[in-house]
Amino acid sequence: MKINVMITPWAKTNKLDIQQDLMGNEVYKIRLHAKPIDGEANEALIAFLAKHFAVTKQDVQIVSWNHSRHKVIEIK
């Protein structure tokens, strides 16, 4: 399954909101406490989504836009 994610690093707490874009696609808006330095935010994102979907971290992979706030994530 692939999902569209928009992350906001440096947030006070970790939080997930699911919204729809103009075309009706689900967008997961995730606020992360992690800082976007040395891949910390990406690692926190993978851990957060693994816990949310009850899978292992190895089952969550960033497919595209690795250095951007907008990402596509694949969950096996």
Protein backbone atom coordinates (compact mmCIF):
# COMPACT_ATOMS: atom_id res chain seq x y z
CA MET A 1 0.00 0.00 0.00
CA LYS A 2 1.32 3.46 -0.86
CA ILE A 3 0.33 6.59 1.04
CA ASN A 4 1.02 10.28 0.57
CA VAL A 5 2.56 11.96 3.60
CA MET A 6 3.31 15.55 4.50
CA ILE A 7 5.51 15.90 7.57
CA THR A 8 6.16 18.83 9.87
CA PRO A 9 9.34 18.42 11.92
CA TRP A 10 10.16 20.30 15.16
CA ALA A 11 6.58 19.85 16.45
CA LYS A 12 5.85 19.77 20.17
CA THR A 13 4.31 16.29 19.98
CA ASN A 14 3.86 13.51 17.44
CA LYS A 15 0.43 13.72 15.83
CA LEU A 16 -1.39 12.27 12.82
CA ASP A 17 -4.22 13.88 10.84
CA ILE A 18 -5.73 12.27 7.76
CA GLN A 19 -7.14 14.72 5.21
CA GLN A 20 -8.18 14.65 1.58
CA ASP A 21 -6.66 16.66 -1.23
CA LEU A 22 -8.69 18.28 -4.01
CA MET A 23 -8.77 15.05 -6.01
CA GLY A 24 -10.09 13.00 -3.08
CA ASN A 25 -6.81 11.23 -2.25
CA GLU A 26 -5.93 10.69 1.40
CA VAL A 27 -2.97 12.69 2.69
CA TYR A 28 -1.45 11.79 6.03
CA LYS A 29 -0.33 15.00 7.75
CA ILE A 30 2.15 14.02 10.42
CA ARG A 31 3.76 16.27 13.01
CA LEU A 32 7.01 14.89 14.40
CA HIS A 33 9.02 16.01 17.39
CA ALA A 34 12.24 15.00 15.59
CA LYS A 35 14.50 17.52 13.92
CA PRO A 36 15.16 17.31 10.16
CA ILE A 37 18.92 16.91 10.57
CA ASP A 38 20.93 13.82 9.57
CA GLY A 39 17.76 11.90 8.67
CA GLU A 40 16.29 11.99 12.19
CA ALA A 41 12.86 13.07 10.92
CA ASN A 42 12.81 10.28 8.32
CA GLU A 43 13.72 7.67 10.94
CA ALA A 44 11.06 9.03 13.30
CA LEU A 45 8.52 8.97 10.46
CA ILE A 46 9.26 5.32 9.71
CA ALA A 47 8.97 4.38 13.39
CA PHE A 48 5.75 6.38 13.78
CA LEU A 49 4.07 4.79 10.76
CA ALA A 50 5.26 1.29 11.72
CA LYS A 51 3.61 1.69 15.10
CA HIS A 52 0.44 3.22 13.59
CA PHE A 53 -0.03 0.39 11.05
CA ALA A 54 1.25 -2.33 13.46
CA VAL A 55 4.07 -3.49 11.18
CA THR A 56 7.83 -3.63 11.58
CA LYS A 57 10.09 -0.75 10.58
CA GLN A 58 11.45 -2.87 7.73
CA ASP A 59 7.95 -2.96 6.22
CA VAL A 60 7.86 0.85 5.90
CA GLN A 61 9.90 2.44 3.13
CA ILE A 62 10.21 5.98 1.76
CA VAL A 63 9.64 5.60 -1.97
CA SER A 64 10.18 9.16 -3.17
CA TRP A 65 11.06 12.65 -2.01
CA ASN A 66 13.49 11.59 0.66
CA HIS A 67 14.65 15.18 1.34
CA SER A 68 11.30 16.92 1.22
CA ARG A 69 8.31 17.39 3.51
CA HIS A 70 6.03 15.70 0.93
CA LYS A 71 6.74 11.99 0.65
CA VAL A 72 5.32 8.78 -0.75
CA ILE A 73 5.57 5.87 1.66
CA GLU A 74 5.15 2.19 0.85
CA ILE A 75 3.87 -0.11 3.58
CA LYS A 76 4.11 -3.85 2.99
